[in-house]
Amino acid sequence: MSAALADLAEPTSGSVNVAARARTIGAEIAARHAEAVDRDGRFPSEAFDALREQKLLGVMVPAELGGGGASLFDVAAACHALARGCAATGMIYAMHQIQVACLVDHGSNGWQRGLMARIAADQLLLGSATTEKETGGDIRNSVCAVTTDPGAERDRFTLAKNASVISYGDQSDVILVTARRNPDAPSSDQVLVVVTKDDYRLEKTSRWDAMGMRGTCSDGYRLEASGVLDQILPLPYADLSAQTMLPVTHILWSSTWLGIAADAVSRARAFVRSEAKRKPGTTPASAVRLAEATAKLQQMKAVILTAIRQYELACGSPEQLTGLSFATAMGTLKVTTSELVREIVEAAIRTCGLAGYRNDTPYSLGRHLRDAHSAALMIGNDRIMSHISTQLLVQRDGLGPFE
């Protein structure tokens, strides 16, 4: 298969540049340290040092603020390229860019635009705190609330959040936090608050010791923060999520999972070729499994590219972005790709047989399989499908053949 998602469409010169730099880092640095990152459950610092050096953390920041002005397609290609080398590196990069997209799309005042310029100039790493232990991982409800102090010299806020997960919290320079608008607001009346390392304090409450995606370092924390009201994004979180966070999350996560699947198929293909060389003139029996895995990989790519196109067409139209049909499309994208990545990796293992099952061969796929199993659990597929089923009860049929 092609080395990057960008190979499947007509890339701009900017996307080629972003994807090519990410591909080099993924193949030469992230892949080299992937086993250690997984084994030790540590942050992929070598890859992120290289990403900072190549100015890839600020590529989505508008050019007038010093960034690269990259499109979502550009970043999806970069996530895919990085994940081929190390799934944790690709996922952390995806989660960072999701937060950047929220800031770029909805940050408007001087403080927020100043932070965007800092992200581009200083290559700051952004994380998020959207889950709470009290809500059982439901990101659309918060116990945490913004408390204001109108009597201060400048209106200021404080908040405290018992976050069940803040991925790479120790390494983040900025964290975007969901909270109730005020202490009297209902749990669903949320805002997104941007806090920098100078604004918050983290107390670790749990450690990330998981089967896969070990390098994301998704520990739990108690977060306490304070700042000025300009650090609160103006759009209600429900609208911000529908317009940016949800679709960008599902597209970039899916692109990362595509990278895992693509590397698994690449290893399976190398195994089949080695078998063919041992018995010239014959087609190895495992080639059929390889064909099945390749077909599913092509299906996964097509689904992601379609979703990116849907998002591009809807951008600039809040009505389309918040519509039920668009939300359904983005939800089913996540469910579909999270199941396909597991199926593709399993097909690749069956192609390679014991060579894929063992941990000491060039065709080893144990890490890929463990990482792939995280996909269905990152915002549980059952939760998403339950939400979609409710939407379908009130959703009108489309008026055209592709709606």
Protein backbone atom coordinates (compact mmCIF):
# COMPACT_ATOMS: atom_id res chain seq x y z
CA MET A 1 0.00 0.00 0.00
CA SER A 2 1.03 3.61 -0.36
CA ALA A 3 3.08 5.16 2.40
CA ALA A 4 0.72 8.00 3.21
CA LEU A 5 -2.95 8.85 3.16
CA ALA A 6 -2.02 11.80 0.96
CA ASP A 7 -1.05 9.41 -1.84
CA LEU A 8 -4.73 8.65 -2.48
CA ALA A 9 -5.73 12.16 -3.52
CA GLU A 10 -4.39 15.26 -5.20
CA PRO A 11 -2.20 16.75 -2.44
CA THR A 12 -1.23 20.37 -2.28
CA SER A 13 2.44 21.27 -2.05
CA GLY A 14 1.88 22.02 1.66
CA SER A 15 0.35 18.61 2.33
CA VAL A 16 3.22 16.87 0.58
CA ASN A 17 5.64 18.77 2.80
CA VAL A 18 3.79 17.96 6.04
CA ALA A 19 3.23 14.32 5.12
CA ALA A 20 6.80 13.85 3.90
CA ARG A 21 8.31 15.28 7.08
CA ALA A 22 6.01 13.18 9.24
CA ARG A 23 6.78 10.08 7.18
CA THR A 24 10.50 10.55 7.71
CA ILE A 25 10.07 11.01 11.46
CA GLY A 26 7.71 8.03 11.65
CA ALA A 27 10.02 5.68 9.76
CA GLU A 28 13.41 6.83 11.04
CA ILE A 29 12.70 7.89 14.64
CA ALA A 30 9.27 6.80 15.92
CA ALA A 31 9.64 3.24 14.57
CA ARG A 32 13.12 2.89 16.05
CA HIS A 33 11.87 3.64 19.56
CA ALA A 34 8.37 2.11 19.29
CA GLU A 35 9.26 -1.12 21.10
CA ALA A 36 10.84 0.76 24.03
CA VAL A 37 7.91 3.20 24.21
CA ASP A 38 5.50 0.26 24.37
CA ARG A 39 7.56 -1.88 26.73
CA ASP A 40 8.28 0.90 29.21
CA GLY A 41 4.98 2.75 28.83
CA ARG A 42 6.89 5.97 28.29
CA PHE A 43 6.27 9.14 26.31
CA PRO A 44 7.83 9.00 22.79
CA SER A 45 10.15 11.91 23.51
CA GLU A 46 12.53 11.27 20.60
CA ALA A 47 9.74 11.52 18.03
CA PHE A 48 8.33 14.68 19.59
CA ASP A 49 11.74 16.32 19.75
CA ALA A 50 11.91 15.74 16.00
CA LEU A 51 8.36 16.98 15.44
CA ARG A 52 9.23 20.19 17.27
CA GLU A 53 12.43 20.58 15.28
CA GLN A 54 10.44 20.24 12.05
CA LYS A 55 7.80 22.73 13.31
CA LEU A 56 5.05 20.13 12.91
CA LEU A 57 3.22 20.90 16.15
CA GLY A 58 2.04 24.29 14.85
CA VAL A 59 1.12 23.32 11.29
CA MET A 60 -2.62 23.99 11.79
CA VAL A 61 -2.09 27.49 13.19
CA PRO A 62 -2.95 30.12 10.54
CA ALA A 63 -0.02 31.47 8.56
CA GLU A 64 -0.68 35.04 9.74
CA LEU A 65 0.01 33.86 13.29
CA GLY A 66 3.24 32.12 12.32
CA GLY A 67 1.86 28.63 11.70
CA GLY A 68 1.69 26.45 8.62
CA GLY A 69 -1.99 26.93 7.80
CA ALA A 70 -2.25 23.19 7.13
CA SER A 71 -5.56 21.58 6.29
CA LEU A 72 -7.20 18.71 8.13
CA PHE A 73 -6.19 16.47 5.23
CA ASP A 74 -2.55 17.43 5.74
CA VAL A 75 -2.71 16.55 9.43
CA ALA A 76 -4.59 13.29 8.81
CA ALA A 77 -1.79 12.24 6.45
CA ALA A 78 0.77 13.11 9.13
CA CYS A 79 -1.08 11.08 11.81
CA HIS A 80 -1.17 8.12 9.43
CA ALA A 81 2.53 8.39 8.63
CA LEU A 82 3.58 8.66 12.30
CA ALA A 83 1.36 5.77 13.41
CA ARG A 84 2.94 3.45 10.87
CA GLY A 85 6.11 3.76 12.93
CA CYS A 86 4.62 4.07 16.42
CA ALA A 87 0.90 4.08 17.21
CA ALA A 88 1.35 6.06 20.44
CA THR A 89 3.26 8.79 18.58
CA GLY A 90 0.53 9.05 15.96
CA MET A 91 -2.23 9.12 18.58
CA ILE A 92 -0.57 11.80 20.71
CA TYR A 93 -0.01 13.91 17.60
CA ALA A 94 -3.68 13.44 16.68
CA MET A 95 -4.90 14.42 20.16
CA HIS A 96 -2.66 17.50 20.12
CA GLN A 97 -3.95 18.64 16.73
CA ILE A 98 -7.58 18.11 17.79
CA GLN A 99 -7.05 20.71 20.52
CA VAL A 100 -5.24 23.04 18.12
CA ALA A 101 -8.19 22.77 15.70
CA CYS A 102 -10.62 23.78 18.47
CA LEU A 103 -8.50 26.79 19.32
CA VAL A 104 -8.02 27.81 15.67
CA ASP A 105 -11.72 27.42 14.78
CA HIS A 106 -13.16 29.08 17.89
CA GLY A 107 -10.47 31.25 19.47
CA SER A 108 -11.11 34.88 18.66
CA ASN A 109 -9.87 37.31 21.31
CA GLY A 110 -6.37 38.67 21.79
CA TRP A 111 -5.34 36.18 24.46
CA GLN A 112 -6.44 33.20 22.36
CA ARG A 113 -4.77 34.45 19.20
CA GLY A 114 -1.63 35.22 21.17
CA LEU A 115 -1.55 31.62 22.38
CA MET A 116 -1.88 30.36 18.80
CA ALA A 117 1.18 32.42 17.88
CA ARG A 118 3.03 30.90 20.84
CA ILE A 119 2.07 27.39 19.75
CA ALA A 120 3.63 28.04 16.35
CA ALA A 121 6.70 29.84 17.67
CA ASP A 122 7.48 27.65 20.68
CA GLN A 123 5.97 24.38 19.42
CA LEU A 124 3.80 23.95 22.52
CA LEU A 125 2.15 20.56 23.10
CA LEU A 126 -1.61 20.65 23.80
CA GLY A 127 -3.55 18.09 25.83
CA SER A 128 -7.14 17.84 27.02
CA ALA A 129 -9.12 17.12 30.16
CA THR A 130 -12.64 16.18 29.08
CA THR A 131 -13.46 13.20 31.30
CA GLU A 132 -14.23 13.07 35.03
CA LYS A 133 -14.38 10.15 37.41
CA GLU A 134 -17.78 11.32 38.64
CA THR A 135 -19.37 11.16 35.16
CA GLY A 136 -18.01 7.78 34.11
CA GLY A 137 -16.23 9.08 31.01
CA ASP A 138 -19.24 10.98 29.61
CA ILE A 139 -17.55 13.98 28.01
CA ARG A 140 -20.85 15.80 27.47
CA ASN A 141 -21.44 16.27 31.19
CA SER A 142 -19.26 17.92 33.83
CA VAL A 143 -19.18 18.17 37.60
CA CYS A 144 -16.28 20.63 37.42
CA ALA A 145 -17.45 24.26 37.17
CA VAL A 146 -15.93 27.64 36.37
CA THR A 147 -16.00 29.93 39.39
CA THR A 148 -15.48 33.64 38.72
CA ASP A 149 -14.26 36.47 40.90
CA PRO A 150 -15.77 39.69 39.47
CA GLY A 151 -14.14 41.76 42.19
CA ALA A 152 -10.60 41.05 41.02
CA GLU A 153 -8.55 43.60 39.07
CA ARG A 154 -9.36 41.61 35.93
CA ASP A 155 -12.22 39.16 35.98
CA ARG A 156 -10.65 35.83 36.85
CA PHE A 157 -11.80 32.23 37.18
CA THR A 158 -10.82 29.13 39.11
CA LEU A 159 -11.74 25.49 38.49
CA ALA A 160 -10.93 22.07 39.90
CA LYS A 161 -11.41 18.84 37.93
CA ASN A 162 -11.00 15.23 39.00
CA ALA A 163 -9.91 14.03 35.56
CA SER A 164 -9.99 10.28 35.03
CA VAL A 165 -7.58 10.68 32.09
CA ILE A 166 -5.26 13.39 30.84
CA SER A 167 -3.10 11.79 28.18
CA TYR A 168 0.56 12.89 28.31
CA GLY A 169 -0.39 15.32 31.08
CA ASP A 170 3.17 15.53 32.41
CA GLN A 171 4.46 16.60 28.99
CA SER A 172 1.65 19.03 28.04
CA ASP A 173 2.31 22.77 27.86
CA VAL A 174 -1.39 23.67 27.49
CA ILE A 175 -4.55 21.78 28.52
CA LEU A 176 -8.08 22.39 27.23
CA VAL A 177 -10.55 21.64 30.03
CA THR A 178 -14.31 21.10 29.89
CA ALA A 179 -16.32 22.54 32.77
CA ARG A 180 -19.81 23.74 33.61
CA ARG A 181 -20.30 27.39 32.71
CA ASN A 182 -20.80 28.29 36.39
CA PRO A 183 -21.56 26.44 39.65
CA ASP A 184 -25.31 26.81 39.11
CA ALA A 185 -25.32 25.53 35.51
CA PRO A 186 -26.61 22.05 34.64
CA SER A 187 -24.00 19.39 33.94
CA SER A 188 -24.51 19.65 30.16
CA ASP A 189 -24.03 23.45 30.01
CA GLN A 190 -20.30 23.32 29.38
CA VAL A 191 -17.52 25.58 28.17
CA LEU A 192 -13.97 24.82 27.03
CA VAL A 193 -11.27 26.53 29.09
CA VAL A 194 -7.68 26.91 27.86
CA VAL A 195 -5.05 26.80 30.59
CA THR A 196 -1.28 26.97 30.24
CA LYS A 197 1.32 25.31 32.44
CA ASP A 198 1.64 28.54 34.45
CA ASP A 199 -2.10 28.45 35.20
CA TYR A 200 -2.59 24.92 36.52
CA ARG A 201 -1.36 22.35 39.00
CA LEU A 202 -1.61 18.59 38.45
CA GLU A 203 -1.77 15.93 41.15
CA LYS A 204 -1.52 12.40 39.77
CA THR A 205 -4.28 10.09 41.01
CA SER A 206 -3.81 7.00 38.80
CA ARG A 207 -1.22 5.55 36.44
CA TRP A 208 -1.65 4.24 32.90
CA ASP A 209 -0.70 0.57 32.76
CA ALA A 210 -2.72 -0.69 29.80
CA MET A 211 -2.63 -3.45 27.21
CA GLY A 212 -1.94 -1.09 24.29
CA MET A 213 -1.30 2.57 23.44
CA ARG A 214 1.02 2.49 26.42
CA GLY A 215 3.10 5.47 25.28
CA THR A 216 0.15 7.88 25.50
CA CYS A 217 0.75 7.96 29.28
CA SER A 218 -2.96 8.47 29.94
CA ASP A 219 -2.73 8.95 33.69
CA GLY A 220 -5.48 10.34 35.92
CA TYR A 221 -5.04 13.69 37.66
CA ARG A 222 -6.67 16.21 39.89
CA LEU A 223 -6.32 19.49 38.02
CA GLU A 224 -6.62 22.90 39.69
CA ALA A 225 -6.39 26.00 37.52
CA SER A 226 -6.97 29.73 37.52
CA GLY A 227 -6.77 32.43 34.90
CA VAL A 228 -8.53 35.30 33.15
CA LEU A 229 -11.94 34.98 31.52
CA ASP A 230 -10.40 35.53 28.07
CA GLN A 231 -9.11 31.96 28.36
CA ILE A 232 -12.66 30.59 28.00
CA LEU A 233 -13.64 29.89 24.40
CA PRO A 234 -16.86 31.80 23.61
CA LEU A 235 -18.92 29.08 21.90
CA PRO A 236 -20.82 26.64 24.15
CA TYR A 237 -19.00 23.33 24.28
CA ALA A 238 -21.98 21.46 22.80
CA ASP A 239 -21.71 23.55 19.61
CA LEU A 240 -17.92 23.57 19.60
CA SER A 241 -17.88 19.79 19.93
CA ALA A 242 -20.37 19.27 17.11
CA GLN A 243 -18.64 21.70 14.75
CA THR A 244 -14.99 20.83 15.43
CA MET A 245 -14.00 18.51 18.24
CA LEU A 246 -16.16 15.51 17.35
CA PRO A 247 -15.51 15.38 13.57
CA VAL A 248 -11.81 16.26 13.85
CA THR A 249 -11.35 13.69 16.61
CA HIS A 250 -12.94 10.89 14.64
CA ILE A 251 -11.09 11.76 11.44
CA LEU A 252 -7.65 12.02 13.08
CA TRP A 253 -8.14 8.98 15.31
CA SER A 254 -9.24 7.01 12.25
CA SER A 255 -6.19 8.17 10.32
CA THR A 256 -3.99 7.01 13.17
CA TRP A 257 -5.65 3.59 13.20
CA LEU A 258 -5.16 3.47 9.44
CA GLY A 259 -1.43 3.83 10.06
CA ILE A 260 -1.47 0.83 12.41
CA ALA A 261 -3.39 -1.22 9.84
CA ALA A 262 -1.13 -0.15 6.96
CA ASP A 263 2.02 -1.20 8.79
CA ALA A 264 0.43 -4.54 9.69
CA VAL A 265 -0.42 -5.19 6.03
CA SER A 266 3.08 -4.11 5.01
CA ARG A 267 4.59 -6.70 7.35
CA ALA A 268 2.20 -9.36 6.07
CA ARG A 269 3.15 -8.56 2.49
CA ALA A 270 6.84 -8.85 3.33
CA PHE A 271 6.18 -12.26 4.88
CA VAL A 272 4.28 -13.52 1.82
CA ARG A 273 7.06 -12.31 -0.47
CA SER A 274 9.66 -14.12 1.63
CA GLU A 275 7.57 -17.30 1.40
CA ALA A 276 7.30 -16.89 -2.38
CA LYS A 277 11.07 -16.58 -2.71
CA ARG A 278 11.51 -19.83 -0.82
CA LYS A 279 9.24 -21.66 -3.30
CA PRO A 280 9.67 -20.00 -6.71
CA GLY A 281 6.84 -20.49 -9.15
CA THR A 282 4.15 -21.02 -6.49
CA THR A 283 1.74 -18.67 -4.77
CA PRO A 284 1.85 -19.07 -0.98
CA ALA A 285 -1.44 -20.11 0.59
CA SER A 286 -1.16 -17.08 2.89
CA ALA A 287 -1.50 -14.76 -0.12
CA VAL A 288 -5.30 -15.13 0.06
CA ARG A 289 -5.31 -13.76 3.61
CA LEU A 290 -3.10 -10.91 2.44
CA ALA A 291 -5.59 -10.06 -0.30
CA GLU A 292 -8.41 -9.98 2.26
CA ALA A 293 -6.44 -7.68 4.55
CA THR A 294 -5.54 -5.42 1.62
CA ALA A 295 -9.17 -5.13 0.53
CA LYS A 296 -10.22 -4.10 4.04
CA LEU A 297 -7.37 -1.58 4.19
CA GLN A 298 -8.59 0.00 0.95
CA GLN A 299 -12.12 0.12 2.40
CA MET A 300 -10.81 1.85 5.52
CA LYS A 301 -8.94 4.45 3.47
CA ALA A 302 -12.00 5.17 1.35
CA VAL A 303 -14.19 5.67 4.43
CA ILE A 304 -11.73 8.16 5.92
CA LEU A 305 -11.26 10.11 2.70
CA THR A 306 -15.04 10.35 2.31
CA ALA A 307 -15.35 11.71 5.86
CA ILE A 308 -12.66 14.32 5.25
CA ARG A 309 -14.49 15.43 2.12
CA GLN A 310 -17.79 15.61 4.03
CA TYR A 311 -16.13 17.77 6.67
CA GLU A 312 -14.56 20.07 4.08
CA LEU A 313 -17.92 20.56 2.37
CA ALA A 314 -19.66 21.32 5.67
CA CYS A 315 -17.02 23.74 6.99
CA GLY A 316 -18.29 27.29 7.19
CA SER A 317 -21.88 26.12 7.68
CA PRO A 318 -22.73 25.67 11.37
CA GLU A 319 -26.12 24.33 10.34
CA GLN A 320 -24.54 21.45 8.41
CA LEU A 321 -21.89 20.77 11.06
CA THR A 322 -24.49 20.52 13.81
CA GLY A 323 -27.01 18.58 11.72
CA LEU A 324 -28.03 15.05 12.67
CA SER A 325 -26.92 13.51 9.37
CA PHE A 326 -23.40 14.91 9.74
CA ALA A 327 -23.16 13.78 13.36
CA THR A 328 -24.33 10.31 12.34
CA ALA A 329 -21.72 10.16 9.58
CA MET A 330 -18.91 11.11 11.95
CA GLY A 331 -20.08 8.68 14.61
CA THR A 332 -20.30 5.78 12.19
CA LEU A 333 -16.85 6.70 10.84
CA LYS A 334 -15.34 6.10 14.26
CA VAL A 335 -17.19 2.83 14.83
CA THR A 336 -16.37 1.52 11.35
CA THR A 337 -12.65 2.31 11.38
CA SER A 338 -12.15 1.15 14.96
CA GLU A 339 -13.56 -2.26 14.01
CA LEU A 340 -11.70 -2.43 10.70
CA VAL A 341 -8.29 -1.77 12.23
CA ARG A 342 -8.68 -4.78 14.49
CA GLU A 343 -9.95 -6.97 11.65
CA ILE A 344 -7.06 -5.93 9.39
CA VAL A 345 -4.40 -6.60 12.02
CA GLU A 346 -5.96 -9.98 12.81
CA ALA A 347 -5.96 -10.87 9.10
CA ALA A 348 -2.29 -9.83 8.90
CA ILE A 349 -1.45 -12.10 11.86
CA ARG A 350 -3.20 -15.02 10.21
CA THR A 351 -1.26 -14.24 7.03
CA CYS A 352 2.06 -14.41 8.87
CA GLY A 353 1.13 -17.28 11.18
CA LEU A 354 3.57 -17.90 14.02
CA ALA A 355 5.98 -15.33 12.54
CA GLY A 356 3.37 -12.65 13.25
CA TYR A 357 2.39 -14.11 16.60
CA ARG A 358 5.92 -14.22 17.97
CA ASN A 359 7.60 -11.13 19.40
CA ASP A 360 11.07 -11.86 18.00
CA THR A 361 10.58 -11.75 14.22
CA PRO A 362 10.52 -8.92 11.67
CA TYR A 363 6.84 -9.75 11.09
CA SER A 364 5.76 -9.48 14.74
CA LEU A 365 2.29 -7.96 15.13
CA GLY A 366 1.55 -8.29 18.84
CA ARG A 367 2.00 -4.56 19.51
CA HIS A 368 -0.21 -3.69 16.55
CA LEU A 369 -2.99 -5.94 17.81
CA ARG A 370 -2.85 -4.56 21.35
CA ASP A 371 -2.89 -0.98 20.06
CA ALA A 372 -5.75 -1.80 17.67
CA HIS A 373 -7.94 -3.05 20.50
CA SER A 374 -7.88 0.41 22.10
CA ALA A 375 -9.80 1.86 19.14
CA ALA A 376 -13.22 0.51 20.08
CA LEU A 377 -12.78 1.70 23.67
CA MET A 378 -11.76 5.33 23.04
CA ILE A 379 -15.28 6.71 23.51
CA GLY A 380 -16.90 3.27 23.58
CA ASN A 381 -18.53 2.07 20.38
CA ASP A 382 -21.59 0.93 22.32
CA ARG A 383 -22.04 4.47 23.68
CA ILE A 384 -21.73 5.94 20.17
CA MET A 385 -24.13 3.46 18.60
CA SER A 386 -26.67 4.04 21.37
CA HIS A 387 -26.50 7.79 20.65
CA ILE A 388 -26.80 7.22 16.90
CA SER A 389 -29.82 4.96 17.38
CA THR A 390 -31.56 7.78 19.24
CA GLN A 391 -30.69 10.25 16.48
CA LEU A 392 -32.08 7.96 13.80
CA LEU A 393 -35.52 8.09 15.40
CA VAL A 394 -35.81 11.80 14.59
CA GLN A 395 -33.54 12.09 11.55
CA ARG A 396 -35.27 12.79 8.25
CA ASP A 397 -34.38 10.79 5.15
CA GLY A 398 -32.00 12.54 2.75
CA LEU A 399 -33.34 14.19 -0.38
CA GLY A 400 -30.58 13.08 -2.76
CA PRO A 401 -28.86 9.80 -3.68
CA PHE A 402 -25.76 10.54 -1.58
CA GLU A 403 -27.38 12.20 1.44
